[in-house]
Amino acid sequence: MGINNKMILSYQFLAEMYQDDYFPNSLVDKGKSILLELCTEIERTTPETANDVYKLTHIATEKFNQLANEFEDQGSEIETAARDNIGTDIEFILKSYGYNLDIEEAIAPREW
């Protein structure tokens, strides 16, 4: 099953990170995959409650926590610009699927 949401399909995820040489593209690609997995899971499960959505966003956030170690290993880090880009993209995903939820709660388990 793929992604069917037209807003998601036309969106450039992590665009600011791709434009900054500080972030290795191979790792930004992994971050983009995390976000696309979140979209796929939202479409697959169609969460009905805020808690159901937060469970999915928390899984994605935990994956970014793990990815942060890879950024550090390559002399980079998920810092202010990256945090903002990831948070903005997760907020875009939620709104694209009709969820008007608290972005801070959506990424609550973040370590970046």
PDB file of N, CA and C in Angstrom:
ATOM      1  N   MET A   1       0.840  -1.188   0.000  1.00  0.00           N
ATOM      2  CA  MET A   1       0.000   0.000   0.000  1.00  0.00           C
ATOM      3  C   MET A   1       0.881   1.246   0.000  1.00  0.00           C
ATOM      4  N   GLY A   2       0.586   2.165  -0.881  1.00  0.00           N
ATOM      5  CA  GLY A   2       1.356   3.393  -0.958  1.00  0.00           C
ATOM      6  C   GLY A   2       0.615   4.553  -0.336  1.00  0.00           C
ATOM      7  N   ILE A   3       1.143   5.717  -0.563  1.00  0.00           N
ATOM      8  CA  ILE A   3       0.539   6.943  -0.051  1.00  0.00           C
ATOM      9  C   ILE A   3      -0.389   7.500  -1.120  1.00  0.00           C
ATOM     10  N   ASN A   4      -1.605   7.859  -0.703  1.00  0.00           N
ATOM     11  CA  ASN A   4      -2.604   8.373  -1.632  1.00  0.00           C
ATOM     12  C   ASN A   4      -2.894   9.863  -1.466  1.00  0.00           C
ATOM     13  N   ASN A   5      -2.512  10.443  -0.334  1.00  0.00           N
ATOM     14  CA  ASN A   5      -2.796  11.840  -0.042  1.00  0.00           C
ATOM     15  C   ASN A   5      -2.005  12.742  -0.998  1.00  0.00           C
ATOM     16  N   LYS A   6      -2.717  13.495  -1.820  1.00  0.00           N
ATOM     17  CA  LYS A   6      -2.080  14.320  -2.849  1.00  0.00           C
ATOM     18  C   LYS A   6      -1.196  15.418  -2.254  1.00  0.00           C
ATOM     19  N   MET A   7      -1.579  15.967  -1.099  1.00  0.00           N
ATOM     20  CA  MET A   7      -0.747  16.995  -0.465  1.00  0.00           C
ATOM     21  C   MET A   7       0.595  16.396  -0.040  1.00  0.00           C
ATOM     22  N   ILE A   8       0.550  15.191   0.491  1.00  0.00           N
ATOM     23  CA  ILE A   8       1.775  14.512   0.921  1.00  0.00           C
ATOM     24  C   ILE A   8       2.649  14.188  -0.292  1.00  0.00           C
ATOM     25  N   LEU A   9       2.027  13.688  -1.345  1.00  0.00           N
ATOM     26  CA  LEU A   9       2.776  13.280  -2.535  1.00  0.00           C
ATOM     27  C   LEU A   9       3.504  14.447  -3.197  1.00  0.00           C
ATOM     28  N   SER A  10       2.973  15.661  -3.055  1.00  0.00           N
ATOM     29  CA  SER A  10       3.596  16.813  -3.704  1.00  0.00           C
ATOM     30  C   SER A  10       4.510  17.611  -2.765  1.00  0.00           C
ATOM     31  N   TYR A  11       4.596  17.191  -1.520  1.00  0.00           N
ATOM     32  CA  TYR A  11       5.361  17.938  -0.513  1.00  0.00           C
ATOM     33  C   TYR A  11       6.835  17.541  -0.537  1.00  0.00           C
ATOM     34  N   GLN A  12       7.706  18.521  -0.358  1.00  0.00           N
ATOM     35  CA  GLN A  12       9.150  18.267  -0.286  1.00  0.00           C
ATOM     36  C   GLN A  12       9.567  18.160   1.182  1.00  0.00           C
ATOM     37  N   PHE A  13       9.654  16.935   1.680  1.00  0.00           N
ATOM     38  CA  PHE A  13      10.014  16.721   3.079  1.00  0.00           C
ATOM     39  C   PHE A  13      11.473  17.084   3.337  1.00  0.00           C
ATOM     40  N   LEU A  14      11.710  17.684   4.497  1.00  0.00           N
ATOM     41  CA  LEU A  14      13.043  18.050   4.987  1.00  0.00           C
ATOM     42  C   LEU A  14      13.822  18.902   3.986  1.00  0.00           C
ATOM     43  N   ALA A  15      13.114  19.757   3.273  1.00  0.00           N
ATOM     44  CA  ALA A  15      13.724  20.576   2.215  1.00  0.00           C
ATOM     45  C   ALA A  15      14.882  21.420   2.739  1.00  0.00           C
ATOM     46  N   GLU A  16      14.710  22.030   3.915  1.00  0.00           N
ATOM     47  CA  GLU A  16      15.774  22.877   4.455  1.00  0.00           C
ATOM     48  C   GLU A  16      17.022  22.064   4.781  1.00  0.00           C
ATOM     49  N   MET A  17      16.826  20.845   5.251  1.00  0.00           N
ATOM     50  CA  MET A  17      17.986  20.006   5.574  1.00  0.00           C
ATOM     51  C   MET A  17      18.716  19.575   4.299  1.00  0.00           C
ATOM     52  N   TYR A  18      17.965  19.289   3.247  1.00  0.00           N
ATOM     53  CA  TYR A  18      18.594  18.925   1.977  1.00  0.00           C
ATOM     54  C   TYR A  18      19.413  20.086   1.410  1.00  0.00           C
ATOM     55  N   GLN A  19      18.985  21.314   1.681  1.00  0.00           N
ATOM     56  CA  GLN A  19      19.665  22.491   1.130  1.00  0.00           C
ATOM     57  C   GLN A  19      20.912  22.880   1.919  1.00  0.00           C
ATOM     58  N   ASP A  20      21.121  22.277   3.073  1.00  0.00           N
ATOM     59  CA  ASP A  20      22.241  22.628   3.944  1.00  0.00           C
ATOM     60  C   ASP A  20      23.258  21.489   3.934  1.00  0.00           C
ATOM     61  N   ASP A  21      24.476  21.782   3.486  1.00  0.00           N
ATOM     62  CA  ASP A  21      25.531  20.769   3.393  1.00  0.00           C
ATOM     63  C   ASP A  21      25.939  20.198   4.750  1.00  0.00           C
ATOM     64  N   TYR A  22      25.540  20.839   5.830  1.00  0.00           N
ATOM     65  CA  TYR A  22      25.851  20.350   7.177  1.00  0.00           C
ATOM     66  C   TYR A  22      25.205  18.990   7.438  1.00  0.00           C
ATOM     67  N   PHE A  23      24.087  18.743   6.760  1.00  0.00           N
ATOM     68  CA  PHE A  23      23.350  17.496   6.949  1.00  0.00           C
ATOM     69  C   PHE A  23      23.635  16.546   5.793  1.00  0.00           C
ATOM     70  N   PRO A  24      24.262  15.388   6.065  1.00  0.00           N
ATOM     71  CA  PRO A  24      24.518  14.417   4.987  1.00  0.00           C
ATOM     72  C   PRO A  24      23.212  13.955   4.333  1.00  0.00           C
ATOM     73  N   ASN A  25      23.141  14.076   3.013  1.00  0.00           N
ATOM     74  CA  ASN A  25      21.913  13.713   2.300  1.00  0.00           C
ATOM     75  C   ASN A  25      21.475  12.280   2.572  1.00  0.00           C
ATOM     76  N   SER A  26      22.431  11.367   2.744  1.00  0.00           N
ATOM     77  CA  SER A  26      22.058   9.977   2.999  1.00  0.00           C
ATOM     78  C   SER A  26      21.285   9.847   4.311  1.00  0.00           C
ATOM     79  N   LEU A  27      21.611  10.671   5.289  1.00  0.00           N
ATOM     80  CA  LEU A  27      20.890  10.633   6.565  1.00  0.00           C
ATOM     81  C   LEU A  27      19.580  11.409   6.478  1.00  0.00           C
ATOM     82  N   VAL A  28      19.573  12.481   5.714  1.00  0.00           N
ATOM     83  CA  VAL A  28      18.312  13.205   5.501  1.00  0.00           C
ATOM     84  C   VAL A  28      17.330  12.286   4.772  1.00  0.00           C
ATOM     85  N   ASP A  29      17.852  11.473   3.846  1.00  0.00           N
ATOM     86  CA  ASP A  29      16.999  10.480   3.166  1.00  0.00           C
ATOM     87  C   ASP A  29      16.352   9.538   4.176  1.00  0.00           C
ATOM     88  N   LYS A  30      17.121   9.130   5.182  1.00  0.00           N
ATOM     89  CA  LYS A  30      16.567   8.257   6.220  1.00  0.00           C
ATOM     90  C   LYS A  30      15.473   8.981   7.000  1.00  0.00           C
ATOM     91  N   GLY A  31      15.682  10.260   7.273  1.00  0.00           N
ATOM     92  CA  GLY A  31      14.662  11.052   7.958  1.00  0.00           C
ATOM     93  C   GLY A  31      13.402  11.170   7.117  1.00  0.00           C
ATOM     94  N   LYS A  32      13.578  11.400   5.839  1.00  0.00           N
ATOM     95  CA  LYS A  32      12.435  11.480   4.927  1.00  0.00           C
ATOM     96  C   LYS A  32      11.676  10.151   4.935  1.00  0.00           C
ATOM     97  N   SER A  33      12.401   9.057   4.960  1.00  0.00           N
ATOM     98  CA  SER A  33      11.748   7.736   5.003  1.00  0.00           C
ATOM     99  C   SER A  33      10.922   7.561   6.273  1.00  0.00           C
ATOM    100  N   ILE A  34      11.432   8.077   7.390  1.00  0.00           N
ATOM    101  CA  ILE A  34      10.673   8.005   8.644  1.00  0.00           C
ATOM    102  C   ILE A  34       9.350   8.747   8.487  1.00  0.00           C
ATOM    103  N   LEU A  35       9.398   9.923   7.883  1.00  0.00           N
ATOM    104  CA  LEU A  35       8.181  10.719   7.696  1.00  0.00           C
ATOM    105  C   LEU A  35       7.214  10.032   6.728  1.00  0.00           C
ATOM    106  N   LEU A  36       7.728   9.453   5.671  1.00  0.00           N
ATOM    107  CA  LEU A  36       6.854   8.748   4.725  1.00  0.00           C
ATOM    108  C   LEU A  36       6.257   7.483   5.348  1.00  0.00           C
ATOM    109  N   GLU A  37       7.018   6.823   6.218  1.00  0.00           N
ATOM    110  CA  GLU A  37       6.474   5.672   6.948  1.00  0.00           C
ATOM    111  C   GLU A  37       5.319   6.117   7.848  1.00  0.00           C
ATOM    112  N   LEU A  38       5.473   7.276   8.482  1.00  0.00           N
ATOM    113  CA  LEU A  38       4.404   7.824   9.313  1.00  0.00           C
ATOM    114  C   LEU A  38       3.150   8.044   8.470  1.00  0.00           C
ATOM    115  N   CYS A  39       3.314   8.629   7.292  1.00  0.00           N
ATOM    116  CA  CYS A  39       2.172   8.863   6.391  1.00  0.00           C
ATOM    117  C   CYS A  39       1.514   7.537   6.004  1.00  0.00           C
ATOM    118  N   THR A  40       2.333   6.566   5.642  1.00  0.00           N
ATOM    119  CA  THR A  40       1.810   5.258   5.240  1.00  0.00           C
ATOM    120  C   THR A  40       1.026   4.627   6.382  1.00  0.00           C
ATOM    121  N   GLU A  41       1.554   4.741   7.586  1.00  0.00           N
ATOM    122  CA  GLU A  41       0.888   4.138   8.750  1.00  0.00           C
ATOM    123  C   GLU A  41      -0.415   4.863   9.069  1.00  0.00           C
ATOM    124  N   ILE A  42      -0.445   6.169   8.919  1.00  0.00           N
ATOM    125  CA  ILE A  42      -1.696   6.917   9.133  1.00  0.00           C
ATOM    126  C   ILE A  42      -2.740   6.466   8.122  1.00  0.00           C
ATOM    127  N   GLU A  43      -2.341   6.324   6.860  1.00  0.00           N
ATOM    128  CA  GLU A  43      -3.297   5.888   5.841  1.00  0.00           C
ATOM    129  C   GLU A  43      -3.735   4.441   6.066  1.00  0.00           C
ATOM    130  N   ARG A  44      -2.814   3.605   6.524  1.00  0.00           N
ATOM    131  CA  ARG A  44      -3.127   2.190   6.724  1.00  0.00           C
ATOM    132  C   ARG A  44      -4.085   1.975   7.896  1.00  0.00           C
ATOM    133  N   THR A  45      -3.867   2.716   8.986  1.00  0.00           N
ATOM    134  CA  THR A  45      -4.632   2.467  10.211  1.00  0.00           C
ATOM    135  C   THR A  45      -5.771   3.452  10.438  1.00  0.00           C
ATOM    136  N   THR A  46      -5.758   4.598   9.789  1.00  0.00           N
ATOM    137  CA  THR A  46      -6.758   5.655   9.960  1.00  0.00           C
ATOM    138  C   THR A  46      -7.084   5.878  11.443  1.00  0.00           C
ATOM    139  N   PRO A  47      -6.105   6.390  12.209  1.00  0.00           N
ATOM    140  CA  PRO A  47      -6.342   6.603  13.638  1.00  0.00           C
ATOM    141  C   PRO A  47      -7.510   7.555  13.876  1.00  0.00           C
ATOM    142  N   GLU A  48      -8.311   7.210  14.878  1.00  0.00           N
ATOM    143  CA  GLU A  48      -9.515   7.994  15.154  1.00  0.00           C
ATOM    144  C   GLU A  48      -9.368   8.940  16.332  1.00  0.00           C
ATOM    145  N   THR A  49      -8.493   8.619  17.270  1.00  0.00           N
ATOM    146  CA  THR A  49      -8.341   9.475  18.447  1.00  0.00           C
ATOM    147  C   THR A  49      -6.969  10.148  18.427  1.00  0.00           C
ATOM    148  N   ALA A  50      -6.877  11.221  19.179  1.00  0.00           N
ATOM    149  CA  ALA A  50      -5.596  11.918  19.292  1.00  0.00           C
ATOM    150  C   ALA A  50      -4.528  10.970  19.825  1.00  0.00           C
ATOM    151  N   ASN A  51      -4.870  10.165  20.811  1.00  0.00           N
ATOM    152  CA  ASN A  51      -3.887   9.232  21.365  1.00  0.00           C
ATOM    153  C   ASN A  51      -3.404   8.242  20.326  1.00  0.00           C
ATOM    154  N   ASP A  52      -4.293   7.803  19.453  1.00  0.00           N
ATOM    155  CA  ASP A  52      -3.886   6.875  18.390  1.00  0.00           C
ATOM    156  C   ASP A  52      -2.896   7.545  17.442  1.00  0.00           C
ATOM    157  N   VAL A  53      -3.143   8.809  17.129  1.00  0.00           N
ATOM    158  CA  VAL A  53      -2.236   9.548  16.257  1.00  0.00           C
ATOM    159  C   VAL A  53      -0.901   9.762  16.973  1.00  0.00           C
ATOM    160  N   TYR A  54      -0.962  10.159  18.240  1.00  0.00           N
ATOM    161  CA  TYR A  54       0.263  10.401  18.996  1.00  0.00           C
ATOM    162  C   TYR A  54       1.123   9.134  19.106  1.00  0.00           C
ATOM    163  N   LYS A  55       0.490   7.989  19.195  1.00  0.00           N
ATOM    164  CA  LYS A  55       1.268   6.741  19.226  1.00  0.00           C
ATOM    165  C   LYS A  55       2.123   6.627  17.964  1.00  0.00           C
ATOM    166  N   LEU A  56       1.543   6.971  16.823  1.00  0.00           N
ATOM    167  CA  LEU A  56       2.275   6.893  15.556  1.00  0.00           C
ATOM    168  C   LEU A  56       3.360   7.960  15.471  1.00  0.00           C
ATOM    169  N   THR A  57       3.046   9.175  15.880  1.00  0.00           N
ATOM    170  CA  THR A  57       4.056  10.233  15.810  1.00  0.00           C
ATOM    171  C   THR A  57       5.182   9.974  16.808  1.00  0.00           C
ATOM    172  N   HIS A  58       4.860   9.359  17.921  1.00  0.00           N
ATOM    173  CA  HIS A  58       5.900   9.046  18.907  1.00  0.00           C
ATOM    174  C   HIS A  58       6.850   7.980  18.369  1.00  0.00           C
ATOM    175  N   ILE A  59       6.320   7.022  17.641  1.00  0.00           N
ATOM    176  CA  ILE A  59       7.181   6.008  17.008  1.00  0.00           C
ATOM    177  C   ILE A  59       8.143   6.698  16.039  1.00  0.00           C
ATOM    178  N   ALA A  60       7.612   7.603  15.225  1.00  0.00           N
ATOM    179  CA  ALA A  60       8.461   8.333  14.278  1.00  0.00           C
ATOM    180  C   ALA A  60       9.505   9.161  15.021  1.00  0.00           C
ATOM    181  N   THR A  61       9.102   9.799  16.106  1.00  0.00           N
ATOM    182  CA  THR A  61      10.027  10.614  16.896  1.00  0.00           C
ATOM    183  C   THR A  61      11.148   9.761  17.476  1.00  0.00           C
ATOM    184  N   GLU A  62      10.798   8.584  17.972  1.00  0.00           N
ATOM    185  CA  GLU A  62      11.813   7.672  18.514  1.00  0.00           C
ATOM    186  C   GLU A  62      12.800   7.260  17.422  1.00  0.00           C
ATOM    187  N   LYS A  63      12.325   7.089  16.203  1.00  0.00           N
ATOM    188  CA  LYS A  63      13.222   6.750  15.093  1.00  0.00           C
ATOM    189  C   LYS A  63      14.173   7.902  14.803  1.00  0.00           C
ATOM    190  N   PHE A  64      13.678   9.140  14.906  1.00  0.00           N
ATOM    191  CA  PHE A  64      14.559  10.298  14.744  1.00  0.00           C
ATOM    192  C   PHE A  64      15.573  10.359  15.891  1.00  0.00           C
ATOM    193  N   ASN A  65      15.161   9.970  17.099  1.00  0.00           N
ATOM    194  CA  ASN A  65      16.108   9.913  18.214  1.00  0.00           C
ATOM    195  C   ASN A  65      17.266   8.978  17.879  1.00  0.00           C
ATOM    196  N   GLN A  66      16.955   7.834  17.300  1.00  0.00           N
ATOM    197  CA  GLN A  66      17.994   6.879  16.918  1.00  0.00           C
ATOM    198  C   GLN A  66      18.847   7.438  15.772  1.00  0.00           C
ATOM    199  N   LEU A  67      18.196   8.091  14.826  1.00  0.00           N
ATOM    200  CA  LEU A  67      18.911   8.659  13.685  1.00  0.00           C
ATOM    201  C   LEU A  67      19.873   9.763  14.126  1.00  0.00           C
ATOM    202  N   ALA A  68      19.554  10.444  15.211  1.00  0.00           N
ATOM    203  CA  ALA A  68      20.423  11.512  15.718  1.00  0.00           C
ATOM    204  C   ALA A  68      21.837  10.991  15.973  1.00  0.00           C
ATOM    205  N   ASN A  69      21.958   9.747  16.435  1.00  0.00           N
ATOM    206  CA  ASN A  69      23.274   9.156  16.676  1.00  0.00           C
ATOM    207  C   ASN A  69      24.072   9.034  15.379  1.00  0.00           C
ATOM    208  N   GLU A  70      23.389   8.682  14.294  1.00  0.00           N
ATOM    209  CA  GLU A  70      24.064   8.564  13.005  1.00  0.00           C
ATOM    210  C   GLU A  70      24.544   9.935  12.515  1.00  0.00           C
ATOM    211  N   PHE A  71      23.731  10.966  12.757  1.00  0.00           N
ATOM    212  CA  PHE A  71      24.161  12.318  12.393  1.00  0.00           C
ATOM    213  C   PHE A  71      25.436  12.672  13.158  1.00  0.00           C
ATOM    214  N   GLU A  72      25.449  12.377  14.454  1.00  0.00           N
ATOM    215  CA  GLU A  72      26.628  12.688  15.265  1.00  0.00           C
ATOM    216  C   GLU A  72      27.850  11.930  14.771  1.00  0.00           C
ATOM    217  N   ASP A  73      27.665  10.670  14.395  1.00  0.00           N
ATOM    218  CA  ASP A  73      28.778   9.866  13.883  1.00  0.00           C
ATOM    219  C   ASP A  73      29.383  10.467  12.621  1.00  0.00           C
ATOM    220  N   GLN A  74      28.591  11.253  11.889  1.00  0.00           N
ATOM    221  CA  GLN A  74      29.080  11.859  10.643  1.00  0.00           C
ATOM    222  C   GLN A  74      29.400  13.347  10.811  1.00  0.00           C
ATOM    223  N   GLY A  75      29.554  13.769  12.064  1.00  0.00           N
ATOM    224  CA  GLY A  75      29.961  15.145  12.325  1.00  0.00           C
ATOM    225  C   GLY A  75      28.861  16.169  12.166  1.00  0.00           C
ATOM    226  N   SER A  76      27.639  15.729  12.285  1.00  0.00           N
ATOM    227  CA  SER A  76      26.478  16.603  12.166  1.00  0.00           C
ATOM    228  C   SER A  76      25.602  16.370  13.394  1.00  0.00           C
ATOM    229  N   GLU A  77      24.503  17.051  13.475  1.00  0.00           N
ATOM    230  CA  GLU A  77      23.554  16.796  14.554  1.00  0.00           C
ATOM    231  C   GLU A  77      22.188  17.353  14.191  1.00  0.00           C
ATOM    232  N   ILE A  78      21.197  16.821  14.850  1.00  0.00           N
ATOM    233  CA  ILE A  78      19.846  17.368  14.689  1.00  0.00           C
ATOM    234  C   ILE A  78      19.766  18.551  15.650  1.00  0.00           C
ATOM    235  N   GLU A  79      20.071  19.735  15.102  1.00  0.00           N
ATOM    236  CA  GLU A  79      20.095  20.958  15.885  1.00  0.00           C
ATOM    237  C   GLU A  79      18.907  21.835  15.519  1.00  0.00           C
ATOM    238  N   THR A  80      18.956  23.091  15.856  1.00  0.00           N
ATOM    239  CA  THR A  80      17.798  23.981  15.747  1.00  0.00           C
ATOM    240  C   THR A  80      17.113  23.947  14.383  1.00  0.00           C
ATOM    241  N   ALA A  81      17.873  24.113  13.310  1.00  0.00           N
ATOM    242  CA  ALA A  81      17.262  24.135  11.978  1.00  0.00           C
ATOM    243  C   ALA A  81      16.609  22.791  11.663  1.00  0.00           C
ATOM    244  N   ALA A  82      17.286  21.718  12.010  1.00  0.00           N
ATOM    245  CA  ALA A  82      16.738  20.382  11.754  1.00  0.00           C
ATOM    246  C   ALA A  82      15.507  20.125  12.613  1.00  0.00           C
ATOM    247  N   ARG A  83      15.574  20.514  13.878  1.00  0.00           N
ATOM    248  CA  ARG A  83      14.413  20.337  14.772  1.00  0.00           C
ATOM    249  C   ARG A  83      13.189  21.045  14.208  1.00  0.00           C
ATOM    250  N   ASP A  84      13.406  22.290  13.766  1.00  0.00           N
ATOM    251  CA  ASP A  84      12.302  23.065  13.205  1.00  0.00           C
ATOM    252  C   ASP A  84      11.760  22.408  11.939  1.00  0.00           C
ATOM    253  N   ASN A  85      12.661  21.935  11.081  1.00  0.00           N
ATOM    254  CA  ASN A  85      12.247  21.311   9.823  1.00  0.00           C
ATOM    255  C   ASN A  85      11.454  20.033  10.091  1.00  0.00           C
ATOM    256  N   ILE A  86      11.936  19.202  10.989  1.00  0.00           N
ATOM    257  CA  ILE A  86      11.238  17.951  11.321  1.00  0.00           C
ATOM    258  C   ILE A  86       9.881  18.254  11.948  1.00  0.00           C
ATOM    259  N   GLY A  87       9.855  19.162  12.912  1.00  0.00           N
ATOM    260  CA  GLY A  87       8.599  19.514  13.576  1.00  0.00           C
ATOM    261  C   GLY A  87       7.576  20.094  12.610  1.00  0.00           C
ATOM    262  N   THR A  88       8.034  20.978  11.728  1.00  0.00           N
ATOM    263  CA  THR A  88       7.151  21.573  10.731  1.00  0.00           C
ATOM    264  C   THR A  88       6.583  20.505   9.803  1.00  0.00           C
ATOM    265  N   ASP A  89       7.427  19.556   9.413  1.00  0.00           N
ATOM    266  CA  ASP A  89       6.975  18.511   8.498  1.00  0.00           C
ATOM    267  C   ASP A  89       5.983  17.568   9.175  1.00  0.00           C
ATOM    268  N   ILE A  90       6.205  17.256  10.431  1.00  0.00           N
ATOM    269  CA  ILE A  90       5.245  16.404  11.149  1.00  0.00           C
ATOM    270  C   ILE A  90       3.923  17.147  11.313  1.00  0.00           C
ATOM    271  N   GLU A  91       3.999  18.434  11.609  1.00  0.00           N
ATOM    272  CA  GLU A  91       2.775  19.235  11.710  1.00  0.00           C
ATOM    273  C   GLU A  91       2.044  19.256  10.363  1.00  0.00           C
ATOM    274  N   PHE A  92       2.788  19.396   9.265  1.00  0.00           N
ATOM    275  CA  PHE A  92       2.189  19.367   7.926  1.00  0.00           C
ATOM    276  C   PHE A  92       1.488  18.025   7.693  1.00  0.00           C
ATOM    277  N   ILE A  93       2.134  16.944   8.072  1.00  0.00           N
ATOM    278  CA  ILE A  93       1.534  15.613   7.910  1.00  0.00           C
ATOM    279  C   ILE A  93       0.212  15.541   8.667  1.00  0.00           C
ATOM    280  N   LEU A  94       0.225  15.949   9.914  1.00  0.00           N
ATOM    281  CA  LEU A  94      -1.005  15.883  10.725  1.00  0.00           C
ATOM    282  C   LEU A  94      -2.127  16.693  10.078  1.00  0.00           C
ATOM    283  N   LYS A  95      -1.827  17.895   9.665  1.00  0.00           N
ATOM    284  CA  LYS A  95      -2.851  18.750   9.049  1.00  0.00           C
ATOM    285  C   LYS A  95      -3.322  18.174   7.718  1.00  0.00           C
ATOM    286  N   SER A  96      -2.408  17.570   6.964  1.00  0.00           N
ATOM    287  CA  SER A  96      -2.772  16.980   5.671  1.00  0.00           C
ATOM    288  C   SER A  96      -3.768  15.843   5.814  1.00  0.00           C
ATOM    289  N   TYR A  97      -3.741  15.209   6.969  1.00  0.00           N
ATOM    290  CA  TYR A  97      -4.687  14.115   7.225  1.00  0.00           C
ATOM    291  C   TYR A  97      -5.855  14.561   8.095  1.00  0.00           C
ATOM    292  N   GLY A  98      -5.979  15.868   8.312  1.00  0.00           N
ATOM    293  CA  GLY A  98      -7.135  16.408   9.016  1.00  0.00           C
ATOM    294  C   GLY A  98      -7.036  16.387  10.531  1.00  0.00           C
ATOM    295  N   TYR A  99      -5.830  16.222  11.062  1.00  0.00           N
ATOM    296  CA  TYR A  99      -5.652  16.211  12.514  1.00  0.00           C
ATOM    297  C   TYR A  99      -5.124  17.568  12.963  1.00  0.00           C
ATOM    298  N   ASN A 100      -5.871  18.233  13.833  1.00  0.00           N
ATOM    299  CA  ASN A 100      -5.449  19.513  14.390  1.00  0.00           C
ATOM    300  C   ASN A 100      -4.978  19.251  15.817  1.00  0.00           C
ATOM    301  N   LEU A 101      -3.736  18.765  15.931  1.00  0.00           N
ATOM    302  CA  LEU A 101      -3.216  18.330  17.226  1.00  0.00           C
ATOM    303  C   LEU A 101      -2.002  19.158  17.629  1.00  0.00           C
ATOM    304  N   ASP A 102      -1.659  19.073  18.886  1.00  0.00           N
ATOM    305  CA  ASP A 102      -0.522  19.785  19.459  1.00  0.00           C
ATOM    306  C   ASP A 102       0.782  19.175  18.952  1.00  0.00           C
ATOM    307  N   ILE A 103       1.572  19.960  18.231  1.00  0.00           N
ATOM    308  CA  ILE A 103       2.809  19.448  17.656  1.00  0.00           C
ATOM    309  C   ILE A 103       3.805  19.074  18.754  1.00  0.00           C
ATOM    310  N   GLU A 104       3.825  19.822  19.847  1.00  0.00           N
ATOM    311  CA  GLU A 104       4.749  19.476  20.943  1.00  0.00           C
ATOM    312  C   GLU A 104       4.398  18.115  21.540  1.00  0.00           C
ATOM    313  N   GLU A 105       3.138  17.826  21.660  1.00  0.00           N
ATOM    314  CA  GLU A 105       2.733  16.511  22.148  1.00  0.00           C
ATOM    315  C   GLU A 105       3.053  15.444  21.105  1.00  0.00           C
ATOM    316  N   ALA A 106       2.915  15.794  19.837  1.00  0.00           N
ATOM    317  CA  ALA A 106       3.171  14.828  18.761  1.00  0.00           C
ATOM    318  C   ALA A 106       4.615  14.365  18.765  1.00  0.00           C
ATOM    319  N   ILE A 107       5.543  15.265  19.147  1.00  0.00           N
ATOM    320  CA  ILE A 107       6.957  14.898  19.142  1.00  0.00           C
ATOM    321  C   ILE A 107       7.518  14.877  20.579  1.00  0.00           C
ATOM    322  N   ALA A 108       6.659  14.623  21.542  1.00  0.00           N
ATOM    323  CA  ALA A 108       7.040  14.682  22.960  1.00  0.00           C
ATOM    324  C   ALA A 108       8.261  13.842  23.335  1.00  0.00           C
ATOM    325  N   PRO A 109       8.440  12.641  22.780  1.00  0.00           N
ATOM    326  CA  PRO A 109       9.599  11.860  23.219  1.00  0.00           C
ATOM    327  C   PRO A 109      10.931  12.260  22.556  1.00  0.00           C
ATOM    328  N   ARG A 110      10.953  13.393  21.895  1.00  0.00           N
ATOM    329  CA  ARG A 110      12.175  13.765  21.166  1.00  0.00           C
ATOM    330  C   ARG A 110      13.336  14.033  22.114  1.00  0.00           C
ATOM    331  N   GLU A 111      14.513  13.694  21.625  1.00  0.00           N
ATOM    332  CA  GLU A 111      15.756  13.943  22.363  1.00  0.00           C
ATOM    333  C   GLU A 111      16.638  14.902  21.577  1.00  0.00           C
ATOM    334  N   TRP A 112      16.073  15.562  20.605  1.00  0.00           N
ATOM    335  CA  TRP A 112      16.825  16.475  19.746  1.00  0.00           C
ATOM    336  C   TRP A 112      16.219  17.851  19.817  1.00  0.00           C
TER     337      TRP A 112
END
